[in-house]
Amino acid sequence: MPARLAITLGDPSGIGPEVALKALAVELPTDDTEYVLIGDRCQMERFNRELQLGLDWSSSRIKFCDSVGLAADDLKSGSTQAARAAVAWLEKSAELCLNGAVQGVVTAPVNKEAINRAGIPFIGQTEFYTERAGVNRTVMMLLGPDERARWLRVALATVHIALREVPVKLTPEKVLLAIERAAEACELLGLLRRRVAVCGLNPHAGEGGEFGDEESRIIDPAIHQARSDGLDVVGPLSGDTVFHHALHGSYDAVVAMYHDQGLAPLKLAAFDNGVNWTLGLPFIRTSPDHGTAYDLVGKGIANPSSMIAAIRLAKQLAGLNAK
């Protein structure tokens, strides 16, 4: 049976529809994967025509699922209707995933600020799917190769919270979960080794308690428990050096304590082809590691590399799940 994936087109006033269709045009000829496109069909047809993508809408491997129709005024950058459409498409994709109609979903970027302005409480797509799936042990992983094909895989112990809240909300349980999910991701990817490096929270991992006790009080207990459970874990290590060593192959994944600690080095190494992967869901969910990029809309120059990588990872995981 071929893999079947949903693709949400994200904020229709951003570059999501463009990069999604460009990526689909690249990936469709490579195998027999089937796709359910969740977005505005008229907009898709226009992009296909204007960008000369050559997508054949009569293909049996492309299905459409449009839960919201859009007018021209709805496509103004960050509009309320665009935000509501993006959330409606996420809702439909979650429904398809949970009822088994698709094996997973690849999500184009949305604008969290615009969604909240539209009166819809929204933290992020990771949190959205976690809630819809009724689970509470998900972890965000970002991964991608640099120009020399050296990989970084970064799992986050905390995600979309203010920096001042990280020391308060960080717990041994959250760090342990991120370690476990990082090791699990290495296994799902078929890596021969699953060595996980764990960042400290403070500069130089706290210098033995000179500036901060989070390492000894929160992070060390999680590492000790992970080792007791048989995982190959190193840390806590200074965040200013660990990513260098991971990129050179010393570690297979890194657990970062907060969003920018992990994403800054990941985007430096793999800005154009990084992928966001939600670990711990009962279905596959990946997305490109970039935003709506309103400044690029309408120019036809948006780079689909990250979306292509997100589709390829979803296909890889779907293929492994089928074995």
C-alpha atoms as a PDB file:
ATOM      1  CA  MET A   1       0.000   0.000   0.000  1.00  0.00           C
ATOM      2  CA  PRO A   2       1.359   3.441  -0.893  1.00  0.00           C
ATOM      3  CA  ALA A   3       1.802   6.004   1.839  1.00  0.00           C
ATOM      4  CA  ARG A   4      -0.996   8.554   2.130  1.00  0.00           C
ATOM      5  CA  LEU A   5      -0.213  11.978   3.557  1.00  0.00           C
ATOM      6  CA  ALA A   6      -2.185  15.155   4.095  1.00  0.00           C
ATOM      7  CA  ILE A   7      -0.625  18.518   3.280  1.00  0.00           C
ATOM      8  CA  THR A   8      -2.110  21.636   4.857  1.00  0.00           C
ATOM      9  CA  LEU A   9      -1.394  24.816   2.917  1.00  0.00           C
ATOM     10  CA  GLY A  10      -0.957  26.937   6.038  1.00  0.00           C
ATOM     11  CA  ASP A  11      -1.721  30.647   6.073  1.00  0.00           C
ATOM     12  CA  PRO A  12      -3.094  31.261   2.553  1.00  0.00           C
ATOM     13  CA  SER A  13      -1.789  34.841   2.662  1.00  0.00           C
ATOM     14  CA  GLY A  14       1.772  33.590   3.251  1.00  0.00           C
ATOM     15  CA  ILE A  15       4.181  31.461   1.227  1.00  0.00           C
ATOM     16  CA  GLY A  16       2.710  28.164   2.448  1.00  0.00           C
ATOM     17  CA  PRO A  17       0.615  27.433  -0.658  1.00  0.00           C
ATOM     18  CA  GLU A  18       3.526  28.300  -2.950  1.00  0.00           C
ATOM     19  CA  VAL A  19       6.145  26.144  -1.222  1.00  0.00           C
ATOM     20  CA  ALA A  20       3.670  23.292  -0.717  1.00  0.00           C
ATOM     21  CA  LEU A  21       2.789  23.081  -4.399  1.00  0.00           C
ATOM     22  CA  LYS A  22       6.386  23.537  -5.523  1.00  0.00           C
ATOM     23  CA  ALA A  23       7.403  20.708  -3.206  1.00  0.00           C
ATOM     24  CA  LEU A  24       4.563  18.504  -4.414  1.00  0.00           C
ATOM     25  CA  ALA A  25       5.620  19.060  -8.026  1.00  0.00           C
ATOM     26  CA  VAL A  26       9.105  17.808  -7.111  1.00  0.00           C
ATOM     27  CA  GLU A  27       8.004  14.837  -5.003  1.00  0.00           C
ATOM     28  CA  LEU A  28       4.966  13.530  -6.895  1.00  0.00           C
ATOM     29  CA  PRO A  29       6.982  11.852  -9.707  1.00  0.00           C
ATOM     30  CA  THR A  30       9.417  10.127  -7.326  1.00  0.00           C
ATOM     31  CA  ASP A  31       7.151   7.371  -5.903  1.00  0.00           C
ATOM     32  CA  ASP A  32       3.531   6.290  -5.478  1.00  0.00           C
ATOM     33  CA  THR A  33       2.679   8.321  -2.358  1.00  0.00           C
ATOM     34  CA  GLU A  34      -0.862   9.692  -2.325  1.00  0.00           C
ATOM     35  CA  TYR A  35      -1.593  13.223  -1.117  1.00  0.00           C
ATOM     36  CA  VAL A  36      -4.645  14.944   0.330  1.00  0.00           C
ATOM     37  CA  LEU A  37      -4.297  18.697  -0.204  1.00  0.00           C
ATOM     38  CA  ILE A  38      -6.116  20.742   2.428  1.00  0.00           C
ATOM     39  CA  GLY A  39      -6.510  24.324   1.302  1.00  0.00           C
ATOM     40  CA  ASP A  40      -8.263  26.594  -1.158  1.00  0.00           C
ATOM     41  CA  ARG A  41      -8.503  24.776  -4.502  1.00  0.00           C
ATOM     42  CA  CYS A  42      -8.922  27.947  -6.553  1.00  0.00           C
ATOM     43  CA  GLN A  43      -5.718  29.334  -5.078  1.00  0.00           C
ATOM     44  CA  MET A  44      -3.926  26.049  -5.790  1.00  0.00           C
ATOM     45  CA  GLU A  45      -5.059  26.054  -9.404  1.00  0.00           C
ATOM     46  CA  ARG A  46      -3.913  29.642  -9.823  1.00  0.00           C
ATOM     47  CA  PHE A  47      -0.458  28.900  -8.376  1.00  0.00           C
ATOM     48  CA  ASN A  48      -0.128  25.802 -10.543  1.00  0.00           C
ATOM     49  CA  ARG A  49      -0.884  27.869 -13.609  1.00  0.00           C
ATOM     50  CA  GLU A  50       1.147  30.986 -12.763  1.00  0.00           C
ATOM     51  CA  LEU A  51       4.218  29.077 -11.553  1.00  0.00           C
ATOM     52  CA  GLN A  52       3.947  26.567 -14.411  1.00  0.00           C
ATOM     53  CA  LEU A  53       4.283  23.640 -12.015  1.00  0.00           C
ATOM     54  CA  GLY A  54       2.572  21.153 -14.323  1.00  0.00           C
ATOM     55  CA  LEU A  55       0.585  19.433 -11.576  1.00  0.00           C
ATOM     56  CA  ASP A  56      -2.161  17.231 -13.014  1.00  0.00           C
ATOM     57  CA  TRP A  57      -5.219  17.684 -10.830  1.00  0.00           C
ATOM     58  CA  SER A  58      -6.864  14.631 -12.417  1.00  0.00           C
ATOM     59  CA  SER A  59      -4.184  12.368 -10.957  1.00  0.00           C
ATOM     60  CA  SER A  60      -5.597   9.607  -8.759  1.00  0.00           C
ATOM     61  CA  ARG A  61      -2.796  10.361  -6.287  1.00  0.00           C
ATOM     62  CA  ILE A  62      -4.024  13.899  -5.538  1.00  0.00           C
ATOM     63  CA  LYS A  63      -7.187  14.516  -3.551  1.00  0.00           C
ATOM     64  CA  PHE A  64      -8.626  17.857  -2.450  1.00  0.00           C
ATOM     65  CA  CYS A  65     -10.170  18.770   0.846  1.00  0.00           C
ATOM     66  CA  ASP A  66     -11.265  22.420   1.021  1.00  0.00           C
ATOM     67  CA  SER A  67     -13.163  23.245   4.181  1.00  0.00           C
ATOM     68  CA  VAL A  68     -13.124  27.040   3.695  1.00  0.00           C
ATOM     69  CA  GLY A  69     -13.640  29.129   0.561  1.00  0.00           C
ATOM     70  CA  LEU A  70     -11.608  32.329   0.259  1.00  0.00           C
ATOM     71  CA  ALA A  71     -12.276  35.647  -1.435  1.00  0.00           C
ATOM     72  CA  ALA A  72      -9.548  37.926  -2.815  1.00  0.00           C
ATOM     73  CA  ASP A  73      -9.689  40.218   0.248  1.00  0.00           C
ATOM     74  CA  ASP A  74      -9.049  37.217   2.505  1.00  0.00           C
ATOM     75  CA  LEU A  75      -5.555  36.868   1.042  1.00  0.00           C
ATOM     76  CA  LYS A  76      -4.227  40.115   2.478  1.00  0.00           C
ATOM     77  CA  SER A  77      -1.195  39.376   4.659  1.00  0.00           C
ATOM     78  CA  GLY A  78      -2.229  38.225   8.106  1.00  0.00           C
ATOM     79  CA  SER A  79      -5.953  38.725   7.528  1.00  0.00           C
ATOM     80  CA  THR A  80      -8.500  37.348   9.976  1.00  0.00           C
ATOM     81  CA  GLN A  81     -10.098  35.137   7.333  1.00  0.00           C
ATOM     82  CA  ALA A  82      -6.733  33.753   6.263  1.00  0.00           C
ATOM     83  CA  ALA A  83      -5.942  32.894   9.881  1.00  0.00           C
ATOM     84  CA  ARG A  84      -9.303  31.200  10.399  1.00  0.00           C
ATOM     85  CA  ALA A  85      -8.893  29.224   7.182  1.00  0.00           C
ATOM     86  CA  ALA A  86      -5.466  28.023   8.301  1.00  0.00           C
ATOM     87  CA  VAL A  87      -6.892  26.717  11.583  1.00  0.00           C
ATOM     88  CA  ALA A  88      -9.850  25.082   9.817  1.00  0.00           C
ATOM     89  CA  TRP A  89      -7.399  23.224   7.593  1.00  0.00           C
ATOM     90  CA  LEU A  90      -5.418  22.093  10.640  1.00  0.00           C
ATOM     91  CA  GLU A  91      -8.661  20.838  12.204  1.00  0.00           C
ATOM     92  CA  LYS A  92      -9.457  18.827   9.067  1.00  0.00           C
ATOM     93  CA  SER A  93      -5.967  17.337   8.924  1.00  0.00           C
ATOM     94  CA  ALA A  94      -6.190  16.228  12.561  1.00  0.00           C
ATOM     95  CA  GLU A  95      -9.530  14.570  11.825  1.00  0.00           C
ATOM     96  CA  LEU A  96      -8.055  12.696   8.844  1.00  0.00           C
ATOM     97  CA  CYS A  97      -5.040  11.570  10.863  1.00  0.00           C
ATOM     98  CA  LEU A  98      -7.069  10.405  13.835  1.00  0.00           C
ATOM     99  CA  ASN A  99      -9.609   8.452  11.785  1.00  0.00           C
ATOM    100  CA  GLY A 100      -6.854   6.708   9.832  1.00  0.00           C
ATOM    101  CA  ALA A 101      -7.645   8.248   6.444  1.00  0.00           C
ATOM    102  CA  VAL A 102      -3.993   9.372   6.196  1.00  0.00           C
ATOM    103  CA  GLN A 103      -0.818   8.227   7.919  1.00  0.00           C
ATOM    104  CA  GLY A 104       0.351  11.714   8.713  1.00  0.00           C
ATOM    105  CA  VAL A 105       0.358  15.375   7.852  1.00  0.00           C
ATOM    106  CA  VAL A 106       2.883  17.879   6.538  1.00  0.00           C
ATOM    107  CA  THR A 107       1.925  21.383   7.611  1.00  0.00           C
ATOM    108  CA  ALA A 108       2.825  24.612   5.850  1.00  0.00           C
ATOM    109  CA  PRO A 109       3.516  27.613   8.132  1.00  0.00           C
ATOM    110  CA  VAL A 110       0.815  29.595   9.914  1.00  0.00           C
ATOM    111  CA  ASN A 111       0.891  32.963  11.661  1.00  0.00           C
ATOM    112  CA  LYS A 112       0.290  32.460  15.383  1.00  0.00           C
ATOM    113  CA  GLU A 113      -0.192  36.173  16.021  1.00  0.00           C
ATOM    114  CA  ALA A 114      -2.838  36.474  13.307  1.00  0.00           C
ATOM    115  CA  ILE A 115      -4.672  33.396  14.614  1.00  0.00           C
ATOM    116  CA  ASN A 116      -4.816  34.840  18.127  1.00  0.00           C
ATOM    117  CA  ARG A 117      -5.969  38.190  16.706  1.00  0.00           C
ATOM    118  CA  ALA A 118      -8.816  36.299  15.043  1.00  0.00           C
ATOM    119  CA  GLY A 119      -9.991  35.234  18.487  1.00  0.00           C
ATOM    120  CA  ILE A 120      -8.663  31.665  18.373  1.00  0.00           C
ATOM    121  CA  PRO A 121      -6.360  30.749  21.278  1.00  0.00           C
ATOM    122  CA  PHE A 122      -3.282  29.250  19.647  1.00  0.00           C
ATOM    123  CA  ILE A 123       0.226  28.552  20.911  1.00  0.00           C
ATOM    124  CA  GLY A 124       1.636  26.595  17.999  1.00  0.00           C
ATOM    125  CA  GLN A 125       1.004  23.682  15.669  1.00  0.00           C
ATOM    126  CA  THR A 126       2.876  21.274  17.957  1.00  0.00           C
ATOM    127  CA  GLU A 127       0.548  22.135  20.820  1.00  0.00           C
ATOM    128  CA  PHE A 128      -2.485  22.066  18.512  1.00  0.00           C
ATOM    129  CA  TYR A 129      -1.919  18.475  17.388  1.00  0.00           C
ATOM    130  CA  THR A 130      -0.947  17.393  20.897  1.00  0.00           C
ATOM    131  CA  GLU A 131      -4.308  18.605  22.196  1.00  0.00           C
ATOM    132  CA  ARG A 132      -6.331  17.188  19.306  1.00  0.00           C
ATOM    133  CA  ALA A 133      -4.668  13.792  19.685  1.00  0.00           C
ATOM    134  CA  GLY A 134      -5.399  13.741  23.414  1.00  0.00           C
ATOM    135  CA  VAL A 135      -1.788  13.064  24.374  1.00  0.00           C
ATOM    136  CA  ASN A 136       0.559  14.946  26.692  1.00  0.00           C
ATOM    137  CA  ARG A 137       4.032  13.545  26.057  1.00  0.00           C
ATOM    138  CA  THR A 138       4.993  15.175  22.773  1.00  0.00           C
ATOM    139  CA  VAL A 139       8.338  16.790  22.065  1.00  0.00           C
ATOM    140  CA  MET A 140       9.408  19.123  19.273  1.00  0.00           C
ATOM    141  CA  MET A 141      12.444  18.013  17.302  1.00  0.00           C
ATOM    142  CA  LEU A 142      14.153  20.078  14.624  1.00  0.00           C
ATOM    143  CA  LEU A 143      16.556  18.331  12.278  1.00  0.00           C
ATOM    144  CA  GLY A 144      18.476  18.939   9.103  1.00  0.00           C
ATOM    145  CA  PRO A 145      21.854  18.605   7.374  1.00  0.00           C
ATOM    146  CA  ASP A 146      24.383  21.334   6.685  1.00  0.00           C
ATOM    147  CA  GLU A 147      25.960  21.895   3.262  1.00  0.00           C
ATOM    148  CA  ARG A 148      28.380  19.013   3.963  1.00  0.00           C
ATOM    149  CA  ALA A 149      25.554  16.594   4.801  1.00  0.00           C
ATOM    150  CA  ARG A 150      26.339  16.659   8.538  1.00  0.00           C
ATOM    151  CA  TRP A 151      23.154  16.359  10.585  1.00  0.00           C
ATOM    152  CA  LEU A 152      21.860  18.141  13.642  1.00  0.00           C
ATOM    153  CA  ARG A 153      18.873  16.696  15.483  1.00  0.00           C
ATOM    154  CA  VAL A 154      17.632  18.859  18.346  1.00  0.00           C
ATOM    155  CA  ALA A 155      14.839  18.000  20.795  1.00  0.00           C
ATOM    156  CA  LEU A 156      13.433  20.749  23.016  1.00  0.00           C
ATOM    157  CA  ALA A 157      12.669  20.347  26.724  1.00  0.00           C
ATOM    158  CA  THR A 158      10.518  23.521  26.622  1.00  0.00           C
ATOM    159  CA  VAL A 159       9.054  25.170  23.552  1.00  0.00           C
ATOM    160  CA  HIS A 160       6.864  28.259  23.183  1.00  0.00           C
ATOM    161  CA  ILE A 161       7.292  30.030  26.507  1.00  0.00           C
ATOM    162  CA  ALA A 162       8.990  33.261  27.539  1.00  0.00           C
ATOM    163  CA  LEU A 163      12.664  32.935  28.399  1.00  0.00           C
ATOM    164  CA  ARG A 164      12.026  34.162  31.946  1.00  0.00           C
ATOM    165  CA  GLU A 165       9.659  31.209  32.464  1.00  0.00           C
ATOM    166  CA  VAL A 166      12.127  28.510  31.422  1.00  0.00           C
ATOM    167  CA  PRO A 167      13.844  28.051  34.829  1.00  0.00           C
ATOM    168  CA  VAL A 168      10.410  27.958  36.470  1.00  0.00           C
ATOM    169  CA  LYS A 169       8.723  25.501  34.125  1.00  0.00           C
ATOM    170  CA  LEU A 170      11.719  23.280  33.417  1.00  0.00           C
ATOM    171  CA  THR A 171      11.466  20.021  35.371  1.00  0.00           C
ATOM    172  CA  PRO A 172      13.416  16.735  35.529  1.00  0.00           C
ATOM    173  CA  GLU A 173      10.371  15.054  33.970  1.00  0.00           C
ATOM    174  CA  LYS A 174      10.420  17.385  30.941  1.00  0.00           C
ATOM    175  CA  VAL A 175      14.146  16.911  30.433  1.00  0.00           C
ATOM    176  CA  LEU A 176      13.801  13.130  30.752  1.00  0.00           C
ATOM    177  CA  LEU A 177      10.923  13.090  28.258  1.00  0.00           C
ATOM    178  CA  ALA A 178      13.001  15.055  25.732  1.00  0.00           C
ATOM    179  CA  ILE A 179      15.897  12.612  26.197  1.00  0.00           C
ATOM    180  CA  GLU A 180      13.603   9.624  25.722  1.00  0.00           C
ATOM    181  CA  ARG A 181      11.965  11.096  22.632  1.00  0.00           C
ATOM    182  CA  ALA A 182      15.334  12.041  21.132  1.00  0.00           C
ATOM    183  CA  ALA A 183      16.599   8.475  21.540  1.00  0.00           C
ATOM    184  CA  GLU A 184      13.323   7.160  20.140  1.00  0.00           C
ATOM    185  CA  ALA A 185      13.662   9.462  17.114  1.00  0.00           C
ATOM    186  CA  CYS A 186      17.126   8.074  16.396  1.00  0.00           C
ATOM    187  CA  GLU A 187      15.628   4.587  16.469  1.00  0.00           C
ATOM    188  CA  LEU A 188      12.736   5.577  14.182  1.00  0.00           C
ATOM    189  CA  LEU A 189      15.251   7.036  11.733  1.00  0.00           C
ATOM    190  CA  GLY A 190      17.159   3.757  11.683  1.00  0.00           C
ATOM    191  CA  LEU A 191      20.369   5.192  13.109  1.00  0.00           C
ATOM    192  CA  LEU A 192      22.876   2.636  14.328  1.00  0.00           C
ATOM    193  CA  ARG A 193      23.617   4.694  17.443  1.00  0.00           C
ATOM    194  CA  ARG A 194      21.360   6.763  19.722  1.00  0.00           C
ATOM    195  CA  ARG A 195      23.772   8.895  21.699  1.00  0.00           C
ATOM    196  CA  VAL A 196      22.055  11.936  23.183  1.00  0.00           C
ATOM    197  CA  ALA A 197      23.853  15.039  24.474  1.00  0.00           C
ATOM    198  CA  VAL A 198      21.996  17.217  26.981  1.00  0.00           C
ATOM    199  CA  CYS A 199      22.599  20.962  27.210  1.00  0.00           C
ATOM    200  CA  GLY A 200      22.921  22.826  30.464  1.00  0.00           C
ATOM    201  CA  LEU A 201      20.620  25.758  31.025  1.00  0.00           C
ATOM    202  CA  ASN A 202      23.206  28.277  32.204  1.00  0.00           C
ATOM    203  CA  PRO A 203      26.420  29.443  30.515  1.00  0.00           C
ATOM    204  CA  HIS A 204      29.127  26.781  30.804  1.00  0.00           C
ATOM    205  CA  ALA A 205      26.454  24.481  32.292  1.00  0.00           C
ATOM    206  CA  GLY A 206      26.496  26.589  35.454  1.00  0.00           C
ATOM    207  CA  GLU A 207      30.212  26.377  36.241  1.00  0.00           C
ATOM    208  CA  GLY A 208      29.592  23.885  39.040  1.00  0.00           C
ATOM    209  CA  GLY A 209      26.845  26.017  40.560  1.00  0.00           C
ATOM    210  CA  GLU A 210      28.627  29.360  40.325  1.00  0.00           C
ATOM    211  CA  PHE A 211      25.716  30.828  38.354  1.00  0.00           C
ATOM    212  CA  GLY A 212      22.658  28.664  38.658  1.00  0.00           C
ATOM    213  CA  ASP A 213      21.693  25.387  40.254  1.00  0.00           C
ATOM    214  CA  GLU A 214      19.341  24.139  37.538  1.00  0.00           C
ATOM    215  CA  GLU A 215      21.972  21.716  36.260  1.00  0.00           C
ATOM    216  CA  SER A 216      22.323  19.890  39.593  1.00  0.00           C
ATOM    217  CA  ARG A 217      18.713  20.311  40.666  1.00  0.00           C
ATOM    218  CA  ILE A 218      16.822  19.614  37.420  1.00  0.00           C
ATOM    219  CA  ILE A 219      19.004  18.339  34.590  1.00  0.00           C
ATOM    220  CA  ASP A 220      21.342  15.916  36.379  1.00  0.00           C
ATOM    221  CA  PRO A 221      18.487  13.854  37.890  1.00  0.00           C
ATOM    222  CA  ALA A 222      16.930  13.423  34.443  1.00  0.00           C
ATOM    223  CA  ILE A 223      20.244  12.297  32.950  1.00  0.00           C
ATOM    224  CA  HIS A 224      20.834   9.827  35.786  1.00  0.00           C
ATOM    225  CA  GLN A 225      17.359   8.367  35.312  1.00  0.00           C
ATOM    226  CA  ALA A 226      17.852   8.068  31.546  1.00  0.00           C
ATOM    227  CA  ARG A 227      21.121   6.215  32.093  1.00  0.00           C
ATOM    228  CA  SER A 228      19.420   3.919  34.603  1.00  0.00           C
ATOM    229  CA  ASP A 229      16.868   3.172  31.889  1.00  0.00           C
ATOM    230  CA  GLY A 230      19.672   2.088  29.558  1.00  0.00           C
ATOM    231  CA  LEU A 231      19.929   5.183  27.358  1.00  0.00           C
ATOM    232  CA  ASP A 232      23.263   6.502  26.066  1.00  0.00           C
ATOM    233  CA  VAL A 233      23.259  10.049  27.460  1.00  0.00           C
ATOM    234  CA  VAL A 234      25.988  12.648  28.014  1.00  0.00           C
ATOM    235  CA  GLY A 235      25.692  15.939  29.916  1.00  0.00           C
ATOM    236  CA  PRO A 236      24.855  18.465  31.014  1.00  0.00           C
ATOM    237  CA  LEU A 237      27.163  20.123  28.509  1.00  0.00           C
ATOM    238  CA  SER A 238      27.767  23.770  27.740  1.00  0.00           C
ATOM    239  CA  GLY A 239      25.382  25.008  25.066  1.00  0.00           C
ATOM    240  CA  ASP A 240      28.120  27.018  23.351  1.00  0.00           C
ATOM    241  CA  THR A 241      30.110  23.919  22.308  1.00  0.00           C
ATOM    242  CA  VAL A 242      27.791  20.905  22.236  1.00  0.00           C
ATOM    243  CA  PHE A 243      26.299  21.650  18.821  1.00  0.00           C
ATOM    244  CA  HIS A 244      29.749  21.877  17.250  1.00  0.00           C
ATOM    245  CA  HIS A 245      30.551  18.381  18.505  1.00  0.00           C
ATOM    246  CA  ALA A 246      27.150  17.044  17.452  1.00  0.00           C
ATOM    247  CA  LEU A 247      27.620  18.402  13.942  1.00  0.00           C
ATOM    248  CA  HIS A 248      30.949  16.581  13.787  1.00  0.00           C
ATOM    249  CA  GLY A 249      29.365  13.294  14.749  1.00  0.00           C
ATOM    250  CA  SER A 250      30.032  12.945  18.469  1.00  0.00           C
ATOM    251  CA  TYR A 251      26.298  12.829  19.257  1.00  0.00           C
ATOM    252  CA  ASP A 252      23.246  11.702  17.316  1.00  0.00           C
ATOM    253  CA  ALA A 253      20.823  14.134  18.954  1.00  0.00           C
ATOM    254  CA  VAL A 254      20.940  17.076  21.334  1.00  0.00           C
ATOM    255  CA  VAL A 255      18.396  18.034  23.983  1.00  0.00           C
ATOM    256  CA  ALA A 256      18.146  21.815  24.370  1.00  0.00           C
ATOM    257  CA  MET A 257      16.515  23.457  27.374  1.00  0.00           C
ATOM    258  CA  TYR A 258      14.649  26.186  25.504  1.00  0.00           C
ATOM    259  CA  HIS A 259      13.523  27.180  22.042  1.00  0.00           C
ATOM    260  CA  ASP A 260      16.325  29.464  20.818  1.00  0.00           C
ATOM    261  CA  GLN A 261      19.098  27.470  22.489  1.00  0.00           C
ATOM    262  CA  GLY A 262      18.277  24.652  20.074  1.00  0.00           C
ATOM    263  CA  LEU A 263      16.917  26.443  17.042  1.00  0.00           C
ATOM    264  CA  ALA A 264      19.658  29.045  16.582  1.00  0.00           C
ATOM    265  CA  PRO A 265      22.389  26.468  15.835  1.00  0.00           C
ATOM    266  CA  LEU A 266      19.973  24.274  13.884  1.00  0.00           C
ATOM    267  CA  LYS A 267      18.994  27.127  11.592  1.00  0.00           C
ATOM    268  CA  LEU A 268      22.619  28.165  11.193  1.00  0.00           C
ATOM    269  CA  ALA A 269      23.455  24.663   9.982  1.00  0.00           C
ATOM    270  CA  ALA A 270      20.289  23.884   8.011  1.00  0.00           C
ATOM    271  CA  PHE A 271      18.380  27.107   7.377  1.00  0.00           C
ATOM    272  CA  ASP A 272      16.951  26.097   3.991  1.00  0.00           C
ATOM    273  CA  ASN A 273      16.165  22.447   4.674  1.00  0.00           C
ATOM    274  CA  GLY A 274      15.440  22.079   8.385  1.00  0.00           C
ATOM    275  CA  VAL A 275      12.348  20.117   9.401  1.00  0.00           C
ATOM    276  CA  ASN A 276      10.105  20.367  12.448  1.00  0.00           C
ATOM    277  CA  TRP A 277       9.005  16.897  13.628  1.00  0.00           C
ATOM    278  CA  THR A 278       6.491  16.370  16.447  1.00  0.00           C
ATOM    279  CA  LEU A 279       7.572  13.322  18.451  1.00  0.00           C
ATOM    280  CA  GLY A 280       5.040  11.346  20.480  1.00  0.00           C
ATOM    281  CA  LEU A 281       1.900  11.771  18.366  1.00  0.00           C
ATOM    282  CA  PRO A 282      -0.107   8.724  17.235  1.00  0.00           C
ATOM    283  CA  PHE A 283       0.495   9.849  13.648  1.00  0.00           C
ATOM    284  CA  ILE A 284       3.283  11.493  11.647  1.00  0.00           C
ATOM    285  CA  ARG A 285       3.514  15.276  11.663  1.00  0.00           C
ATOM    286  CA  THR A 286       6.299  17.273  10.038  1.00  0.00           C
ATOM    287  CA  SER A 287       6.600  20.824   8.776  1.00  0.00           C
ATOM    288  CA  PRO A 288       9.129  23.168   7.198  1.00  0.00           C
ATOM    289  CA  ASP A 289      11.223  25.124   9.670  1.00  0.00           C
ATOM    290  CA  HIS A 290      10.251  28.628   8.547  1.00  0.00           C
ATOM    291  CA  GLY A 291       7.410  31.094   8.783  1.00  0.00           C
ATOM    292  CA  THR A 292       4.874  32.723   6.494  1.00  0.00           C
ATOM    293  CA  ALA A 293       7.402  35.167   4.939  1.00  0.00           C
ATOM    294  CA  TYR A 294       4.846  37.748   3.817  1.00  0.00           C
ATOM    295  CA  ASP A 295       7.612  39.764   2.174  1.00  0.00           C
ATOM    296  CA  LEU A 296       8.070  37.002  -0.430  1.00  0.00           C
ATOM    297  CA  VAL A 297       4.399  36.508  -1.302  1.00  0.00           C
ATOM    298  CA  GLY A 298       3.490  37.054  -4.941  1.00  0.00           C
ATOM    299  CA  LYS A 299       7.073  37.046  -6.197  1.00  0.00           C
ATOM    300  CA  GLY A 300       7.287  33.352  -7.066  1.00  0.00           C
ATOM    301  CA  ILE A 301      10.702  33.043  -5.418  1.00  0.00           C
ATOM    302  CA  ALA A 302       9.894  31.235  -2.162  1.00  0.00           C
ATOM    303  CA  ASN A 303      12.336  28.377  -1.572  1.00  0.00           C
ATOM    304  CA  PRO A 304      10.536  25.003  -1.184  1.00  0.00           C
ATOM    305  CA  SER A 305      13.610  23.117   0.118  1.00  0.00           C
ATOM    306  CA  SER A 306      12.391  22.886   3.712  1.00  0.00           C
ATOM    307  CA  MET A 307       8.928  21.769   2.593  1.00  0.00           C
ATOM    308  CA  ILE A 308      10.474  19.139   0.334  1.00  0.00           C
ATOM    309  CA  ALA A 309      12.553  17.896   3.273  1.00  0.00           C
ATOM    310  CA  ALA A 310       9.443  17.777   5.478  1.00  0.00           C
ATOM    311  CA  ILE A 311       7.560  15.698   2.901  1.00  0.00           C
ATOM    312  CA  ARG A 312      10.514  13.359   2.457  1.00  0.00           C
ATOM    313  CA  LEU A 313      10.843  12.791   6.196  1.00  0.00           C
ATOM    314  CA  ALA A 314       7.109  12.072   6.470  1.00  0.00           C
ATOM    315  CA  LYS A 315       7.377   9.591   3.596  1.00  0.00           C
ATOM    316  CA  GLN A 316      10.416   7.963   5.186  1.00  0.00           C
ATOM    317  CA  LEU A 317       8.616   7.539   8.484  1.00  0.00           C
ATOM    318  CA  ALA A 318       5.458   6.263   6.783  1.00  0.00           C
ATOM    319  CA  GLY A 319       7.512   3.699   4.889  1.00  0.00           C
ATOM    320  CA  LEU A 320       9.254   2.511   8.039  1.00  0.00           C
ATOM    321  CA  ASN A 321       5.924   2.247   9.861  1.00  0.00           C
ATOM    322  CA  ALA A 322       4.565   0.053   7.064  1.00  0.00           C
ATOM    323  CA  LYS A 323       7.368  -2.503   7.417  1.00  0.00           C
END
